[in-house]
N, C-alpha and C. Protein backbone atom coordinates (compact mmCIF):
# COMPACT_ATOMS: atom_id res chain seq x y z
N UNK A 1 -137.07 149.45 -11.82
CA UNK A 1 -138.35 148.81 -11.60
C UNK A 1 -138.66 147.91 -12.74
N UNK A 2 -138.33 148.30 -14.01
CA UNK A 2 -138.52 147.40 -15.13
C UNK A 2 -137.62 146.13 -14.96
N UNK A 3 -136.42 146.30 -14.53
CA UNK A 3 -135.45 145.19 -14.38
C UNK A 3 -136.04 144.16 -13.44
N UNK A 4 -136.59 144.63 -12.34
CA UNK A 4 -137.23 143.68 -11.35
C UNK A 4 -138.37 142.97 -11.94
N UNK A 5 -139.21 143.66 -12.77
CA UNK A 5 -140.38 143.02 -13.33
C UNK A 5 -139.87 141.97 -14.41
N UNK A 6 -138.86 142.28 -15.08
CA UNK A 6 -138.38 141.35 -16.16
C UNK A 6 -137.79 140.11 -15.38
N UNK A 7 -137.03 140.26 -14.29
CA UNK A 7 -136.43 139.21 -13.59
C UNK A 7 -137.59 138.28 -12.96
N UNK A 8 -138.70 139.02 -12.39
CA UNK A 8 -139.86 138.32 -11.94
C UNK A 8 -140.47 137.43 -12.99
N UNK A 9 -140.66 137.97 -14.15
CA UNK A 9 -141.33 137.27 -15.27
C UNK A 9 -140.48 136.14 -15.71
N UNK A 10 -139.25 136.21 -15.77
CA UNK A 10 -138.29 135.23 -16.24
C UNK A 10 -138.32 134.04 -15.09
N UNK A 11 -138.30 134.52 -13.88
CA UNK A 11 -138.28 133.54 -12.81
C UNK A 11 -139.49 132.66 -12.82
N UNK A 12 -140.62 133.40 -12.99
CA UNK A 12 -141.89 132.68 -13.06
C UNK A 12 -142.00 131.79 -14.28
N UNK A 13 -141.52 132.27 -15.40
CA UNK A 13 -141.54 131.43 -16.57
C UNK A 13 -140.62 130.18 -16.38
N UNK A 14 -139.45 130.35 -15.74
CA UNK A 14 -138.53 129.20 -15.46
C UNK A 14 -139.24 128.10 -14.55
N UNK A 15 -139.94 128.59 -13.54
CA UNK A 15 -140.51 127.72 -12.64
C UNK A 15 -141.78 127.03 -13.34
N UNK A 16 -142.47 127.70 -14.17
CA UNK A 16 -143.49 127.18 -14.92
C UNK A 16 -143.11 126.08 -15.92
N UNK A 17 -142.03 126.42 -16.54
CA UNK A 17 -141.36 125.40 -17.50
C UNK A 17 -140.88 124.19 -16.69
N UNK A 18 -140.29 124.27 -15.51
CA UNK A 18 -139.91 123.20 -14.72
C UNK A 18 -141.04 122.41 -14.36
N UNK A 19 -142.19 123.00 -13.89
CA UNK A 19 -143.36 122.22 -13.58
C UNK A 19 -143.92 121.54 -14.72
N UNK A 20 -143.99 122.14 -15.93
CA UNK A 20 -144.55 121.43 -16.97
C UNK A 20 -143.63 120.30 -17.43
N UNK A 21 -142.35 120.45 -17.40
CA UNK A 21 -141.38 119.40 -17.69
C UNK A 21 -141.64 118.25 -16.66
N UNK A 22 -141.68 118.60 -15.48
CA UNK A 22 -141.88 117.51 -14.47
C UNK A 22 -143.10 116.71 -14.60
N UNK A 23 -144.31 117.47 -14.98
CA UNK A 23 -145.63 116.85 -15.22
C UNK A 23 -145.39 115.87 -16.47
N UNK A 24 -144.62 116.34 -17.48
CA UNK A 24 -144.43 115.57 -18.63
C UNK A 24 -143.59 114.24 -18.38
N UNK A 25 -142.67 114.34 -17.40
CA UNK A 25 -141.91 113.23 -17.03
C UNK A 25 -142.80 112.27 -16.16
N UNK A 26 -143.61 112.75 -15.30
CA UNK A 26 -144.56 112.01 -14.52
C UNK A 26 -145.52 111.28 -15.51
N UNK A 27 -146.03 111.96 -16.40
CA UNK A 27 -146.92 111.28 -17.55
C UNK A 27 -146.20 110.19 -18.32
N UNK A 28 -144.93 110.53 -18.67
CA UNK A 28 -144.10 109.59 -19.35
C UNK A 28 -144.02 108.28 -18.52
N UNK A 29 -143.69 108.41 -17.25
CA UNK A 29 -143.50 107.28 -16.40
C UNK A 29 -144.84 106.40 -16.29
N UNK A 30 -145.87 107.19 -16.28
CA UNK A 30 -147.14 106.50 -16.10
C UNK A 30 -147.62 105.83 -17.33
N UNK A 31 -147.26 106.27 -18.59
CA UNK A 31 -147.73 105.57 -19.72
C UNK A 31 -146.61 104.83 -20.61
N UNK A 32 -145.38 104.77 -20.21
CA UNK A 32 -144.46 104.01 -20.79
C UNK A 32 -144.68 102.54 -20.70
N UNK A 33 -143.83 101.64 -21.35
CA UNK A 33 -144.07 100.26 -21.25
C UNK A 33 -144.24 99.84 -19.90
N UNK A 34 -145.07 98.75 -19.65
CA UNK A 34 -145.23 98.28 -18.26
C UNK A 34 -143.99 97.60 -17.70
N UNK A 35 -143.77 97.60 -16.41
CA UNK A 35 -142.68 96.92 -15.83
C UNK A 35 -142.59 95.45 -16.29
N UNK A 36 -141.46 95.05 -16.47
CA UNK A 36 -141.44 93.60 -16.89
C UNK A 36 -141.93 92.65 -15.82
N UNK A 37 -142.48 91.42 -16.39
CA UNK A 37 -143.08 90.49 -15.43
C UNK A 37 -141.95 89.76 -14.78
N UNK A 38 -142.27 89.10 -13.70
CA UNK A 38 -141.34 88.24 -13.00
C UNK A 38 -140.27 88.84 -12.17
N UNK A 39 -140.56 90.05 -11.47
CA UNK A 39 -139.57 90.49 -10.56
C UNK A 39 -139.48 89.70 -9.26
N UNK A 40 -138.31 89.76 -8.63
CA UNK A 40 -138.21 89.02 -7.46
C UNK A 40 -138.93 89.75 -6.22
N UNK A 41 -139.05 91.01 -6.28
CA UNK A 41 -139.76 91.77 -5.26
C UNK A 41 -140.64 92.90 -5.88
N UNK A 42 -141.72 93.16 -5.13
CA UNK A 42 -142.61 94.27 -5.39
C UNK A 42 -142.23 95.12 -4.22
N UNK A 43 -141.56 96.34 -4.41
CA UNK A 43 -141.32 97.24 -3.30
C UNK A 43 -142.31 98.35 -3.20
N UNK A 44 -142.95 98.45 -2.12
CA UNK A 44 -143.96 99.44 -1.95
C UNK A 44 -143.42 100.55 -1.06
N UNK A 45 -143.25 101.71 -1.55
CA UNK A 45 -142.70 102.78 -0.76
C UNK A 45 -143.68 103.53 0.23
N UNK A 46 -143.10 103.77 1.50
CA UNK A 46 -144.06 104.31 2.54
C UNK A 46 -144.55 105.72 2.15
N UNK A 47 -145.68 106.02 2.94
CA UNK A 47 -146.16 107.45 2.80
C UNK A 47 -146.99 107.57 4.05
N UNK A 48 -147.63 108.78 4.25
CA UNK A 48 -148.21 109.10 5.54
C UNK A 48 -149.29 108.16 5.96
N UNK A 49 -149.46 108.15 7.25
CA UNK A 49 -150.46 107.14 7.92
C UNK A 49 -151.49 108.12 8.46
N UNK A 50 -152.60 107.51 8.70
CA UNK A 50 -153.69 108.03 9.42
C UNK A 50 -153.75 107.40 10.82
N UNK A 51 -153.17 107.75 11.77
CA UNK A 51 -153.04 106.90 13.04
C UNK A 51 -152.07 105.81 12.71
N UNK A 52 -152.48 104.54 12.56
CA UNK A 52 -151.72 103.47 12.29
C UNK A 52 -152.27 102.76 11.05
N UNK A 53 -153.16 103.58 10.15
CA UNK A 53 -153.73 103.06 9.05
C UNK A 53 -153.13 103.84 7.80
N UNK A 54 -152.92 103.15 6.65
CA UNK A 54 -152.53 103.96 5.47
C UNK A 54 -153.51 105.00 4.98
N UNK A 55 -152.93 106.29 4.85
CA UNK A 55 -153.80 107.38 4.37
C UNK A 55 -154.01 107.01 2.93
N UNK A 56 -154.87 107.86 2.22
CA UNK A 56 -155.34 107.63 0.83
C UNK A 56 -154.19 107.36 -0.19
N UNK A 57 -153.14 108.21 -0.30
CA UNK A 57 -151.95 107.91 -1.21
C UNK A 57 -151.40 106.54 -0.92
N UNK A 58 -151.14 106.20 0.36
CA UNK A 58 -150.45 104.98 0.66
C UNK A 58 -151.39 103.79 0.35
N UNK A 59 -152.71 103.99 0.61
CA UNK A 59 -153.65 102.93 0.29
C UNK A 59 -153.62 102.56 -1.27
N UNK A 60 -153.58 103.70 -1.97
CA UNK A 60 -153.48 103.61 -3.46
C UNK A 60 -152.31 102.77 -3.93
N UNK A 61 -151.17 102.94 -3.27
CA UNK A 61 -149.86 102.27 -3.47
C UNK A 61 -150.16 100.80 -3.25
N UNK A 62 -150.67 100.46 -2.10
CA UNK A 62 -150.96 99.12 -1.62
C UNK A 62 -151.89 98.32 -2.46
N UNK A 63 -153.00 99.08 -2.93
CA UNK A 63 -153.93 98.36 -3.77
C UNK A 63 -153.23 98.09 -5.16
N UNK A 64 -152.42 98.99 -5.62
CA UNK A 64 -151.72 98.76 -6.90
C UNK A 64 -150.77 97.58 -6.71
N UNK A 65 -150.15 97.46 -5.67
CA UNK A 65 -149.16 96.26 -5.44
C UNK A 65 -149.96 95.00 -5.26
N UNK A 66 -151.22 95.07 -4.67
CA UNK A 66 -152.01 93.88 -4.67
C UNK A 66 -152.51 93.40 -6.03
N UNK A 67 -152.84 94.32 -6.87
CA UNK A 67 -153.17 94.07 -8.30
C UNK A 67 -152.07 93.45 -9.06
N UNK A 68 -150.82 94.10 -8.91
CA UNK A 68 -149.74 93.57 -9.57
C UNK A 68 -149.36 92.26 -9.07
N UNK A 69 -149.40 92.02 -7.72
CA UNK A 69 -149.07 90.72 -7.14
C UNK A 69 -149.83 89.66 -7.66
N UNK A 70 -151.28 89.90 -7.79
CA UNK A 70 -152.21 88.95 -8.32
C UNK A 70 -151.90 88.67 -9.88
N UNK A 71 -151.47 89.66 -10.70
CA UNK A 71 -151.10 89.38 -12.03
C UNK A 71 -149.84 88.60 -12.18
N UNK A 72 -148.79 88.88 -11.25
CA UNK A 72 -147.72 88.08 -11.28
C UNK A 72 -147.96 86.63 -10.89
N UNK A 73 -148.73 86.37 -9.99
CA UNK A 73 -149.03 85.04 -9.49
C UNK A 73 -149.80 84.42 -10.67
N UNK A 74 -150.71 84.92 -11.29
CA UNK A 74 -151.48 84.49 -12.51
C UNK A 74 -150.55 83.95 -13.59
N UNK A 75 -149.46 84.82 -13.76
CA UNK A 75 -148.54 84.41 -14.75
C UNK A 75 -147.45 83.39 -14.36
N UNK A 76 -147.64 82.91 -13.13
CA UNK A 76 -146.75 81.86 -12.64
C UNK A 76 -145.50 82.32 -11.89
N UNK A 77 -145.53 83.48 -11.43
CA UNK A 77 -144.37 84.15 -10.65
C UNK A 77 -144.84 84.31 -9.17
N UNK A 78 -143.85 84.33 -8.28
CA UNK A 78 -144.08 84.51 -6.84
C UNK A 78 -143.24 85.52 -6.17
N UNK A 79 -143.35 86.78 -6.67
CA UNK A 79 -142.42 87.77 -6.04
C UNK A 79 -142.79 87.94 -4.52
N UNK A 80 -141.75 88.45 -3.71
CA UNK A 80 -141.99 88.86 -2.35
C UNK A 80 -142.47 90.32 -2.38
N UNK A 81 -143.17 90.70 -1.33
CA UNK A 81 -143.54 92.11 -1.26
C UNK A 81 -142.69 92.76 -0.15
N UNK A 82 -141.89 93.78 -0.57
CA UNK A 82 -141.10 94.45 0.56
C UNK A 82 -141.73 95.84 0.69
N UNK A 83 -142.09 96.05 2.04
CA UNK A 83 -142.78 97.40 2.44
C UNK A 83 -141.66 98.13 3.09
N UNK A 84 -141.59 99.45 2.74
CA UNK A 84 -140.44 100.21 3.40
C UNK A 84 -140.96 101.56 3.80
N UNK A 85 -140.61 101.83 5.10
CA UNK A 85 -140.92 103.16 5.68
C UNK A 85 -140.92 103.08 7.23
N UNK A 86 -140.19 104.03 7.72
CA UNK A 86 -139.97 104.08 9.17
C UNK A 86 -141.23 104.84 9.84
N UNK A 87 -140.84 105.36 11.13
CA UNK A 87 -142.00 105.99 11.95
C UNK A 87 -141.81 107.43 11.93
N UNK A 88 -142.70 108.18 11.40
CA UNK A 88 -142.62 109.55 11.32
C UNK A 88 -142.96 110.18 12.63
N UNK A 89 -142.69 111.50 12.91
CA UNK A 89 -142.82 112.14 14.15
C UNK A 89 -144.27 112.11 14.67
N UNK A 90 -145.28 112.01 13.83
CA UNK A 90 -146.60 112.11 14.28
C UNK A 90 -147.36 110.86 13.97
N UNK A 91 -146.62 109.65 13.81
CA UNK A 91 -147.15 108.42 13.40
C UNK A 91 -147.11 107.44 14.59
N UNK A 92 -148.16 106.58 14.79
CA UNK A 92 -148.16 105.81 16.02
C UNK A 92 -147.41 104.42 15.67
N UNK A 93 -147.13 104.10 14.44
CA UNK A 93 -146.34 102.80 14.17
C UNK A 93 -145.50 103.19 12.93
N UNK A 94 -144.62 102.19 12.52
CA UNK A 94 -143.85 102.38 11.36
C UNK A 94 -144.81 102.24 10.16
N UNK A 95 -144.44 102.86 9.08
CA UNK A 95 -145.27 102.70 7.88
C UNK A 95 -145.16 101.34 7.30
N UNK A 96 -144.00 100.75 7.44
CA UNK A 96 -143.92 99.34 6.96
C UNK A 96 -144.81 98.41 7.78
N UNK A 97 -144.93 98.74 9.08
CA UNK A 97 -145.85 97.75 9.85
C UNK A 97 -147.36 97.95 9.53
N UNK A 98 -147.74 99.22 9.32
CA UNK A 98 -149.05 99.47 8.83
C UNK A 98 -149.40 98.94 7.48
N UNK A 99 -148.36 98.93 6.53
CA UNK A 99 -148.53 98.38 5.18
C UNK A 99 -148.60 96.82 5.29
N UNK A 100 -147.77 96.28 6.15
CA UNK A 100 -147.74 94.83 6.19
C UNK A 100 -149.17 94.34 6.76
N UNK A 101 -149.62 95.04 7.77
CA UNK A 101 -150.99 94.67 8.32
C UNK A 101 -152.05 94.75 7.18
N UNK A 102 -152.07 95.89 6.42
CA UNK A 102 -152.97 96.08 5.30
C UNK A 102 -152.88 94.97 4.34
N UNK A 103 -151.71 94.54 3.93
CA UNK A 103 -151.60 93.36 3.02
C UNK A 103 -152.09 92.08 3.53
N UNK A 104 -151.74 91.76 4.75
CA UNK A 104 -152.11 90.50 5.39
C UNK A 104 -153.65 90.47 5.49
N UNK A 105 -154.25 91.58 5.82
CA UNK A 105 -155.68 91.65 5.93
C UNK A 105 -156.39 91.43 4.62
N UNK A 106 -155.66 91.59 3.53
CA UNK A 106 -156.17 91.41 2.29
C UNK A 106 -155.78 89.96 1.53
N UNK A 107 -155.18 89.23 2.44
CA UNK A 107 -154.83 87.86 1.83
C UNK A 107 -153.40 87.53 1.51
N UNK A 108 -152.47 88.52 1.67
CA UNK A 108 -150.96 88.21 1.30
C UNK A 108 -150.39 87.46 2.53
N UNK A 109 -149.87 86.28 2.33
CA UNK A 109 -149.27 85.58 3.47
C UNK A 109 -148.10 86.34 4.14
N UNK A 110 -148.05 86.40 5.44
CA UNK A 110 -146.97 87.20 6.09
C UNK A 110 -145.69 86.78 5.70
N UNK A 111 -145.42 85.50 5.42
CA UNK A 111 -144.12 85.05 5.12
C UNK A 111 -143.67 85.52 3.64
N UNK A 112 -144.54 86.10 2.84
CA UNK A 112 -144.19 86.77 1.66
C UNK A 112 -143.86 88.12 1.81
N UNK A 113 -144.01 88.68 2.89
CA UNK A 113 -143.78 90.19 3.13
C UNK A 113 -142.41 90.33 3.88
N UNK A 114 -141.72 91.35 3.35
CA UNK A 114 -140.45 91.78 3.96
C UNK A 114 -140.62 93.16 4.44
N UNK A 115 -139.95 93.57 5.52
CA UNK A 115 -140.15 94.99 6.01
C UNK A 115 -138.80 95.63 6.19
N UNK A 116 -138.82 96.85 5.70
CA UNK A 116 -137.72 97.79 5.99
C UNK A 116 -138.25 98.93 6.77
N UNK A 117 -137.90 99.15 7.99
CA UNK A 117 -138.53 99.99 9.03
C UNK A 117 -137.67 101.19 9.43
N UNK A 118 -136.60 101.53 8.68
CA UNK A 118 -135.78 102.65 9.10
C UNK A 118 -135.87 103.84 8.24
N UNK A 119 -136.32 103.68 7.05
CA UNK A 119 -136.20 104.85 5.97
C UNK A 119 -137.14 105.88 6.50
N UNK A 120 -136.66 107.17 6.29
CA UNK A 120 -137.58 108.35 6.48
C UNK A 120 -137.75 109.23 5.24
N UNK A 121 -137.12 108.69 4.13
CA UNK A 121 -137.49 109.59 2.85
C UNK A 121 -137.16 108.60 1.69
N UNK A 122 -137.49 109.04 0.48
CA UNK A 122 -137.58 108.08 -0.63
C UNK A 122 -136.13 107.60 -0.93
N UNK A 123 -135.04 108.47 -0.74
CA UNK A 123 -133.71 107.97 -1.08
C UNK A 123 -133.36 106.81 0.02
N UNK A 124 -133.74 106.87 1.24
CA UNK A 124 -133.41 105.88 2.15
C UNK A 124 -134.29 104.73 1.83
N UNK A 125 -135.58 104.89 1.45
CA UNK A 125 -136.45 103.73 1.23
C UNK A 125 -135.82 102.88 0.04
N UNK A 126 -135.20 103.55 -0.93
CA UNK A 126 -134.63 102.65 -1.98
C UNK A 126 -133.18 102.16 -1.56
N UNK A 127 -132.38 102.97 -0.90
CA UNK A 127 -131.13 102.54 -0.46
C UNK A 127 -131.21 101.43 0.53
N UNK A 128 -131.92 101.46 1.56
CA UNK A 128 -132.01 100.33 2.49
C UNK A 128 -132.83 99.20 1.88
N UNK A 129 -133.73 99.33 1.02
CA UNK A 129 -134.40 98.14 0.34
C UNK A 129 -133.47 97.42 -0.49
N UNK A 130 -132.61 98.31 -1.23
CA UNK A 130 -131.71 97.60 -2.13
C UNK A 130 -130.76 96.79 -1.44
N UNK A 131 -130.28 97.20 -0.23
CA UNK A 131 -129.34 96.42 0.55
C UNK A 131 -129.95 95.16 1.07
N UNK A 132 -131.22 95.28 1.49
CA UNK A 132 -131.86 94.03 2.02
C UNK A 132 -132.20 93.03 0.81
N UNK A 133 -132.55 93.56 -0.26
CA UNK A 133 -132.94 92.68 -1.46
C UNK A 133 -131.62 91.94 -1.85
N UNK A 134 -130.56 92.70 -2.02
CA UNK A 134 -129.23 92.16 -2.42
C UNK A 134 -128.75 91.05 -1.51
N UNK A 135 -128.85 91.33 -0.21
CA UNK A 135 -128.49 90.29 0.83
C UNK A 135 -129.24 88.94 0.76
N UNK A 136 -130.54 89.21 0.46
CA UNK A 136 -131.46 88.05 0.42
C UNK A 136 -131.43 87.38 -0.93
N UNK A 137 -131.38 88.11 -1.96
CA UNK A 137 -131.41 87.44 -3.33
C UNK A 137 -130.38 88.32 -4.27
N UNK A 138 -129.15 87.90 -4.18
CA UNK A 138 -128.26 88.58 -5.09
C UNK A 138 -128.66 88.39 -6.65
N UNK A 139 -128.54 89.54 -7.31
CA UNK A 139 -129.01 89.50 -8.75
C UNK A 139 -130.46 89.81 -8.89
N UNK A 140 -131.08 90.24 -7.80
CA UNK A 140 -132.64 90.41 -7.81
C UNK A 140 -133.01 91.47 -8.83
N UNK A 141 -134.28 91.49 -9.16
CA UNK A 141 -135.03 92.43 -10.01
C UNK A 141 -136.12 92.81 -9.08
N UNK A 142 -136.60 94.14 -9.25
CA UNK A 142 -137.72 94.62 -8.55
C UNK A 142 -138.62 95.54 -9.25
N UNK A 143 -139.76 95.71 -8.83
CA UNK A 143 -140.77 96.70 -9.34
C UNK A 143 -141.09 97.61 -8.22
N UNK A 144 -140.83 98.90 -8.21
CA UNK A 144 -141.21 99.77 -7.22
C UNK A 144 -142.54 100.30 -7.37
N UNK A 145 -143.45 100.19 -6.46
CA UNK A 145 -144.84 100.76 -6.51
C UNK A 145 -144.97 102.02 -5.76
N UNK A 146 -145.43 103.08 -6.31
CA UNK A 146 -145.58 104.38 -5.73
C UNK A 146 -146.78 105.01 -6.33
N UNK A 147 -146.94 106.37 -6.00
CA UNK A 147 -148.05 107.05 -6.73
C UNK A 147 -147.49 107.72 -7.94
N UNK A 148 -148.45 108.02 -8.87
CA UNK A 148 -147.95 108.73 -10.08
C UNK A 148 -147.19 109.92 -9.94
N UNK A 149 -147.52 110.70 -9.00
CA UNK A 149 -146.77 111.92 -8.81
C UNK A 149 -145.38 111.72 -8.23
N UNK A 150 -145.11 110.52 -7.78
CA UNK A 150 -143.87 110.14 -7.10
C UNK A 150 -142.84 109.25 -8.02
N UNK A 151 -143.31 109.02 -9.24
CA UNK A 151 -142.53 108.03 -10.02
C UNK A 151 -141.21 108.66 -10.42
N UNK A 152 -141.08 109.89 -10.68
CA UNK A 152 -139.91 110.47 -11.22
C UNK A 152 -138.75 110.43 -10.19
N UNK A 153 -139.04 110.81 -9.05
CA UNK A 153 -138.01 110.97 -7.93
C UNK A 153 -137.76 109.43 -7.44
N UNK A 154 -138.71 108.60 -7.43
CA UNK A 154 -138.54 107.13 -7.16
C UNK A 154 -137.52 106.50 -8.11
N UNK A 155 -137.74 106.79 -9.44
CA UNK A 155 -136.80 106.25 -10.49
C UNK A 155 -135.39 106.73 -10.26
N UNK A 156 -135.25 107.96 -9.89
CA UNK A 156 -134.03 108.58 -9.70
C UNK A 156 -133.33 107.94 -8.46
N UNK A 157 -134.08 107.86 -7.32
CA UNK A 157 -133.63 107.21 -6.08
C UNK A 157 -133.12 105.71 -6.37
N UNK A 158 -134.01 105.03 -7.06
CA UNK A 158 -133.65 103.65 -7.39
C UNK A 158 -132.27 103.52 -8.15
N UNK A 159 -132.17 104.36 -9.19
CA UNK A 159 -130.92 104.37 -9.94
C UNK A 159 -129.77 104.78 -9.08
N UNK A 160 -129.87 105.65 -8.19
CA UNK A 160 -128.87 106.16 -7.27
C UNK A 160 -128.39 105.05 -6.27
N UNK A 161 -129.54 104.21 -5.85
CA UNK A 161 -129.26 103.08 -4.96
C UNK A 161 -128.65 101.97 -5.61
N UNK A 162 -128.64 101.90 -6.93
CA UNK A 162 -128.16 100.75 -7.68
C UNK A 162 -129.15 99.59 -7.83
N UNK A 163 -130.40 100.01 -7.58
CA UNK A 163 -131.42 98.82 -7.59
C UNK A 163 -131.90 98.70 -9.13
N UNK A 164 -131.92 97.47 -9.66
CA UNK A 164 -132.35 97.20 -10.81
C UNK A 164 -133.98 97.17 -10.95
N UNK A 165 -134.47 98.35 -11.04
CA UNK A 165 -135.98 98.55 -10.67
C UNK A 165 -136.69 99.20 -11.90
N UNK A 166 -137.99 98.70 -12.09
CA UNK A 166 -138.93 99.42 -12.88
C UNK A 166 -139.91 100.16 -11.89
N UNK A 167 -140.48 101.23 -12.23
CA UNK A 167 -141.36 101.99 -11.40
C UNK A 167 -142.69 101.98 -11.88
N UNK A 168 -143.58 101.56 -10.91
CA UNK A 168 -145.01 101.53 -11.28
C UNK A 168 -145.90 102.63 -10.60
N UNK A 169 -146.48 103.53 -11.33
CA UNK A 169 -147.38 104.48 -10.82
C UNK A 169 -148.66 103.93 -10.41
N UNK A 170 -149.18 104.11 -9.17
CA UNK A 170 -150.35 103.55 -8.74
C UNK A 170 -151.60 104.26 -9.31
N UNK A 171 -151.39 105.48 -9.71
CA UNK A 171 -152.46 106.25 -10.25
C UNK A 171 -151.96 107.46 -11.12
N UNK A 172 -152.77 108.25 -11.65
CA UNK A 172 -152.18 109.41 -12.33
C UNK A 172 -151.56 110.38 -11.67
N UNK A 173 -150.63 111.20 -12.22
CA UNK A 173 -149.89 112.19 -11.48
C UNK A 173 -150.61 113.23 -10.74
N UNK A 174 -151.92 113.50 -11.18
CA UNK A 174 -152.65 114.48 -10.54
C UNK A 174 -153.77 113.87 -9.78
N UNK A 175 -153.67 112.61 -9.43
CA UNK A 175 -154.78 111.90 -8.73
C UNK A 175 -155.02 112.44 -7.32
N UNK A 176 -154.00 112.95 -6.72
CA UNK A 176 -154.10 113.43 -5.31
C UNK A 176 -153.98 114.97 -5.27
N UNK A 177 -154.23 115.61 -6.41
CA UNK A 177 -154.24 117.01 -6.48
C UNK A 177 -152.93 117.72 -6.82
N UNK A 178 -153.00 118.92 -7.19
CA UNK A 178 -151.90 119.62 -7.73
C UNK A 178 -150.83 120.00 -6.67
N UNK A 179 -151.37 120.19 -5.34
CA UNK A 179 -150.30 120.30 -4.23
C UNK A 179 -149.25 119.29 -4.15
N UNK A 180 -149.63 117.98 -4.26
CA UNK A 180 -148.64 116.93 -4.13
C UNK A 180 -147.80 116.92 -5.35
N UNK A 181 -148.30 117.23 -6.56
CA UNK A 181 -147.45 117.29 -7.72
C UNK A 181 -146.46 118.37 -7.61
N UNK A 182 -146.82 119.53 -7.05
CA UNK A 182 -145.95 120.64 -6.82
C UNK A 182 -144.91 120.32 -5.76
N UNK A 183 -145.44 119.77 -4.67
CA UNK A 183 -144.33 119.37 -3.64
C UNK A 183 -143.30 118.30 -4.20
N UNK A 184 -143.79 117.22 -4.99
CA UNK A 184 -142.93 116.44 -5.58
C UNK A 184 -141.98 117.02 -6.60
N UNK A 185 -142.34 117.97 -7.33
CA UNK A 185 -141.53 118.62 -8.21
C UNK A 185 -140.40 119.39 -7.51
N UNK A 186 -140.70 120.00 -6.35
CA UNK A 186 -139.59 120.65 -5.52
C UNK A 186 -138.68 119.44 -4.82
N UNK A 187 -139.31 118.44 -4.44
CA UNK A 187 -138.58 117.42 -3.85
C UNK A 187 -137.62 116.77 -4.87
N UNK A 188 -138.05 116.60 -6.16
CA UNK A 188 -137.25 116.09 -7.19
C UNK A 188 -136.13 117.02 -7.53
N UNK A 189 -136.43 118.34 -7.59
CA UNK A 189 -135.37 119.35 -7.82
C UNK A 189 -134.27 119.18 -6.75
N UNK A 190 -134.68 119.10 -5.57
CA UNK A 190 -133.75 119.00 -4.42
C UNK A 190 -132.94 117.74 -4.43
N UNK A 191 -133.53 116.57 -4.88
CA UNK A 191 -132.87 115.35 -5.08
C UNK A 191 -131.84 115.46 -6.22
N UNK A 192 -132.18 116.12 -7.24
CA UNK A 192 -131.35 116.35 -8.39
C UNK A 192 -130.00 117.10 -7.87
N UNK A 193 -130.24 118.06 -6.96
CA UNK A 193 -129.10 118.85 -6.46
C UNK A 193 -128.43 118.22 -5.25
N UNK A 194 -128.92 116.96 -4.92
CA UNK A 194 -128.21 116.17 -3.81
C UNK A 194 -128.62 116.58 -2.47
N UNK A 195 -129.78 117.24 -2.24
CA UNK A 195 -130.10 117.75 -1.01
C UNK A 195 -131.33 117.02 -0.46
N UNK A 196 -131.81 115.99 -1.14
CA UNK A 196 -133.05 115.13 -0.66
C UNK A 196 -132.94 113.85 -1.05
């Protein structure tokens, strides 16, 4: 009985250390130096929709992309916006289509938006987007826009896809509650093991 208790305590301690380490990495990505100016693309990663409209986490990503786009334009740059995300099983349209509509409704010219509509997870978002960007602009640079809780896995996926990317967190790691941070920590662990 004592052995089981010791194993349980050690296991809980390990999980707690992993979660604290993950939170530390997410905070590091949030507060490290800003993404360099002048990327060729702002890549907005897809997330859940509410019907065919962006749900709150995705709207936060899109609003952050709009802010970054305005800053880039004010500095004399003209990056394209690449929205990436396919159609989930309970979604009415692709995430990329919903994101493109959101951006156009807020003044982004449709010709400045590129869509990647096949991806169903973060790894595919970055892999398919990297291929699209490399075909259109060899030697490109990009800034990936996602939520704070998602920056660690996004940076890992960008590196694995060979995308020269900086990652921008749209909000703090805990902005959408501890559940999403916990889910993301598990997703990142699976990605590190090559299973996500």
